[in-house]
Amino acid sequence: MKLIDNIINRIKYRNQRLLLAGISFFLLLLVVCYFVFLPALRQSRLLSYQIKEKKTNLARLQALTGEYNRLEAEVNKTKDQLQILKNRLLWERDISRLLNELTQLASNLQIEIVSLKPESATLPREKEKKEPGDYLLARVSISVTLKSDYDNAIKFLRRIEEADKFINIDLLSIESGQRDIYKHNVKMKLSIFTEEEV
């Protein structure tokens, strides 16, 4: 009986040791999970969230960069268009530039320019304060008298309207010549624009 009790005690002792070892292992596993794996998991989730946020911000930044590039291209295109329009203006108040332009437009046509008479009239100014280097446009009216036959006069008017410079025809009158009915007196009032400092 002692032998059986001894065996039973040994089995109980061994089972207790195994149970104690199992509990110790489980507790150790809990401690490792709590102090090692959970912080690593939290850190991993935090990094994952930060990466997702950075990707979102990067996508927004790329969209803004694309929008900025589009706007910059639009501004450059507008600047180019403005420069083209400025190049079409006769900037000098001196009418010699207009005379050169009219002479070029009248080339190969039987037209005699009799007189050019400038009259100055500034466009209305805006009340707001302007930046240094800004300018206003002044409208200069010029009375032009020329002699030509009807066909050449019409060709000349068409050339003025299709010219690469802004020359506006405000008034036009054509009268038959007294000595030669085929030679007409053409009177025009033209407008050009010149720069005026603010």
Protein backbone atom coordinates (compact mmCIF):
# COMPACT_ATOMS: atom_id res chain seq x y z
CA MET A 1 0.00 0.00 0.00
CA LYS A 2 2.85 2.30 0.76
CA LEU A 3 4.19 1.66 -2.65
CA ILE A 4 0.90 2.58 -4.28
CA ASP A 5 0.59 5.68 -2.08
CA ASN A 6 4.14 6.54 -3.00
CA ILE A 7 3.40 6.16 -6.73
CA ILE A 8 0.21 8.16 -6.39
CA ASN A 9 2.10 10.93 -4.53
CA ARG A 10 4.77 10.96 -7.20
CA ILE A 11 2.14 11.19 -9.92
CA LYS A 12 0.40 14.02 -8.06
CA TYR A 13 3.73 15.78 -7.51
CA ARG A 14 4.63 15.37 -11.17
CA ASN A 15 1.16 16.60 -12.23
CA GLN A 16 1.51 19.58 -9.89
CA ARG A 17 4.93 20.35 -11.34
CA LEU A 18 3.53 20.05 -14.87
CA LEU A 19 0.56 22.21 -13.93
CA LEU A 20 2.88 24.74 -12.29
CA ALA A 21 5.17 24.69 -15.33
CA GLY A 22 2.15 25.13 -17.63
CA ILE A 23 0.83 28.04 -15.56
CA SER A 24 4.30 29.62 -15.45
CA PHE A 25 4.66 29.22 -19.22
CA PHE A 26 1.19 30.72 -19.76
CA LEU A 27 2.01 33.67 -17.47
CA LEU A 28 5.33 34.15 -19.21
CA LEU A 29 3.54 34.07 -22.55
CA LEU A 30 1.04 36.68 -21.29
CA VAL A 31 3.88 38.93 -20.05
CA VAL A 32 5.74 38.60 -23.38
CA CYS A 33 2.52 39.32 -25.30
CA TYR A 34 1.66 42.30 -23.09
CA PHE A 35 5.11 43.89 -23.01
CA VAL A 36 6.48 42.86 -26.42
CA PHE A 37 3.81 41.90 -28.93
CA LEU A 38 1.09 44.40 -27.97
CA PRO A 39 3.43 47.45 -28.17
CA ALA A 40 4.82 46.10 -31.45
CA LEU A 41 1.24 45.66 -32.72
CA ARG A 42 0.31 49.18 -31.58
CA GLN A 43 3.46 50.56 -33.24
CA SER A 44 2.66 48.63 -36.41
CA ARG A 45 -0.90 50.02 -36.47
CA LEU A 46 0.41 53.54 -35.81
CA LEU A 47 2.97 53.23 -38.61
CA SER A 48 0.31 51.80 -40.93
CA TYR A 49 -1.98 54.77 -40.13
CA GLN A 50 0.87 57.24 -40.66
CA ILE A 51 1.78 55.61 -43.99
CA LYS A 52 -1.87 55.77 -45.09
CA GLU A 53 -2.05 59.44 -44.05
CA LYS A 54 1.22 60.23 -45.85
CA LYS A 55 -0.08 58.52 -49.01
CA THR A 56 -3.27 60.59 -48.79
CA ASN A 57 -1.26 63.78 -48.27
CA LEU A 58 1.06 62.82 -51.13
CA ALA A 59 -1.94 62.27 -53.42
CA ARG A 60 -3.30 65.70 -52.40
CA LEU A 61 0.11 67.27 -52.95
CA GLN A 62 0.41 65.68 -56.38
CA ALA A 63 -3.09 66.95 -57.22
CA LEU A 64 -2.10 70.44 -56.03
CA THR A 65 1.15 70.24 -58.00
CA GLY A 66 -0.82 69.26 -61.09
CA GLU A 67 -3.26 72.12 -60.48
CA TYR A 68 -0.34 74.53 -59.94
CA ASN A 69 1.30 73.40 -63.20
CA ARG A 70 -2.01 73.78 -65.04
CA LEU A 71 -2.51 77.28 -63.62
CA GLU A 72 1.09 78.24 -64.40
CA ALA A 73 0.62 77.09 -68.01
CA GLU A 74 -2.63 79.08 -68.17
CA VAL A 75 -0.89 82.19 -66.79
CA ASN A 76 1.95 81.79 -69.31
CA LYS A 77 -0.57 81.37 -72.13
CA THR A 78 -2.40 84.52 -70.96
CA LYS A 79 0.92 86.41 -70.76
CA ASP A 80 1.73 85.31 -74.32
CA GLN A 81 -1.70 86.43 -75.51
CA LEU A 82 -1.26 89.76 -73.69
CA GLN A 83 2.15 90.23 -75.31
CA ILE A 84 0.65 89.50 -78.74
CA LEU A 85 -2.07 92.08 -78.08
CA LYS A 86 0.48 94.62 -76.80
CA ASN A 87 2.52 94.08 -79.95
CA ARG A 88 -0.55 95.01 -81.98
CA LEU A 89 -0.69 98.44 -80.33
CA LEU A 90 1.05 101.49 -81.74
CA TRP A 91 2.70 102.58 -78.49
CA GLU A 92 4.38 105.79 -79.62
CA ARG A 93 2.36 108.97 -79.37
CA ASP A 94 4.41 110.21 -82.35
CA ILE A 95 2.35 109.68 -85.50
CA SER A 96 5.40 108.75 -87.56
CA ARG A 97 4.80 105.11 -86.56
CA LEU A 98 1.22 105.36 -87.81
CA LEU A 99 2.42 107.03 -91.00
CA ASN A 100 4.86 104.15 -91.56
CA GLU A 101 2.07 101.65 -90.90
CA LEU A 102 -0.33 103.41 -93.28
CA THR A 103 2.39 103.67 -95.92
CA GLN A 104 2.98 99.91 -95.69
CA LEU A 105 -0.77 99.24 -95.90
CA ALA A 106 -1.04 101.54 -98.94
CA SER A 107 1.87 99.91 -100.78
CA ASN A 108 1.00 98.72 -104.31
CA LEU A 109 -2.18 100.83 -104.21
CA GLN A 110 -2.71 104.11 -106.04
CA ILE A 111 -3.29 106.19 -102.91
CA GLU A 112 -1.99 109.65 -102.10
CA ILE A 113 -1.98 110.51 -98.40
CA VAL A 114 -2.73 114.24 -98.27
CA SER A 115 -2.74 114.95 -94.55
CA LEU A 116 -2.47 113.42 -91.06
CA LYS A 117 -3.71 115.41 -88.08
CA PRO A 118 -3.57 113.92 -84.55
CA GLU A 119 -6.05 114.78 -81.78
CA SER A 120 -5.37 113.44 -78.25
CA ALA A 121 -8.07 112.01 -76.00
CA THR A 122 -7.22 109.91 -72.97
CA LEU A 123 -9.41 106.99 -72.02
CA PRO A 124 -11.20 107.48 -68.66
CA ARG A 125 -8.98 106.68 -65.67
CA GLU A 126 -10.03 104.25 -63.00
CA LYS A 127 -10.17 105.60 -59.44
CA GLU A 128 -8.23 102.71 -57.89
CA LYS A 129 -4.58 103.06 -56.96
CA LYS A 130 -2.21 101.60 -59.54
CA GLU A 131 1.04 99.71 -59.03
CA PRO A 132 4.35 101.33 -60.05
CA GLY A 133 5.12 100.57 -63.67
CA ASP A 134 1.44 100.30 -64.60
CA TYR A 135 0.19 102.26 -67.55
CA LEU A 136 -3.04 103.56 -68.96
CA LEU A 137 -3.99 103.52 -72.59
CA ALA A 138 -4.58 106.88 -74.24
CA ARG A 139 -6.75 106.94 -77.33
CA VAL A 140 -5.33 109.15 -80.04
CA SER A 141 -7.66 110.13 -82.86
CA ILE A 142 -6.04 110.98 -86.15
CA SER A 143 -7.79 112.63 -89.08
CA VAL A 144 -6.48 111.28 -92.38
CA THR A 145 -7.22 112.71 -95.80
CA LEU A 146 -6.22 110.83 -98.92
CA LYS A 147 -6.98 110.73 -102.62
CA SER A 148 -7.73 107.51 -104.42
CA ASP A 149 -10.13 105.82 -106.76
CA TYR A 150 -12.97 103.84 -105.20
CA ASP A 151 -11.44 100.39 -105.80
CA ASN A 152 -8.08 101.27 -104.20
CA ALA A 153 -9.82 103.06 -101.32
CA ILE A 154 -11.84 99.91 -100.51
CA LYS A 155 -8.71 97.74 -100.68
CA PHE A 156 -6.93 100.19 -98.36
CA LEU A 157 -9.83 100.13 -95.84
CA ARG A 158 -9.84 96.33 -95.91
CA ARG A 159 -6.08 96.30 -95.25
CA ILE A 160 -6.55 98.63 -92.27
CA GLU A 161 -9.21 96.34 -90.79
CA GLU A 162 -7.06 93.22 -91.34
CA ALA A 163 -3.79 94.86 -90.22
CA ASP A 164 -1.64 93.28 -87.50
CA LYS A 165 -1.84 96.58 -85.54
CA PHE A 166 -4.93 97.97 -83.81
CA ILE A 167 -6.13 100.82 -85.96
CA ASN A 168 -9.81 101.60 -85.58
CA ILE A 169 -11.80 103.45 -88.25
CA ASP A 170 -14.17 105.75 -86.34
CA LEU A 171 -15.50 107.92 -89.19
CA LEU A 172 -15.33 107.64 -92.96
CA SER A 173 -16.50 109.86 -95.78
CA ILE A 174 -15.84 109.57 -99.50
CA GLU A 175 -16.47 112.49 -101.85
CA SER A 176 -16.00 112.56 -105.61
CA GLY A 177 -13.20 114.74 -106.86
CA GLN A 178 -14.20 117.93 -108.67
CA ARG A 179 -11.58 117.74 -111.42
CA ASP A 180 -11.39 113.94 -111.79
CA ILE A 181 -14.55 111.99 -110.96
CA TYR A 182 -12.51 108.79 -110.65
CA LYS A 183 -10.30 110.32 -107.93
CA HIS A 184 -12.13 110.53 -104.62
CA ASN A 185 -11.34 112.53 -101.51
CA VAL A 186 -11.42 110.05 -98.65
CA LYS A 187 -11.59 111.46 -95.11
CA MET A 188 -11.18 109.12 -92.18
CA LYS A 189 -10.90 109.47 -88.46
CA LEU A 190 -8.66 106.68 -87.13
CA SER A 191 -8.01 105.73 -83.51
CA ILE A 192 -4.78 104.27 -82.19
CA PHE A 193 -3.78 103.59 -78.59
CA THR A 194 -0.64 104.83 -76.88
CA GLU A 195 0.84 104.18 -73.46
CA GLU A 196 0.43 106.81 -70.76
CA GLU A 197 2.26 106.57 -67.41
CA VAL A 198 0.11 106.36 -64.28
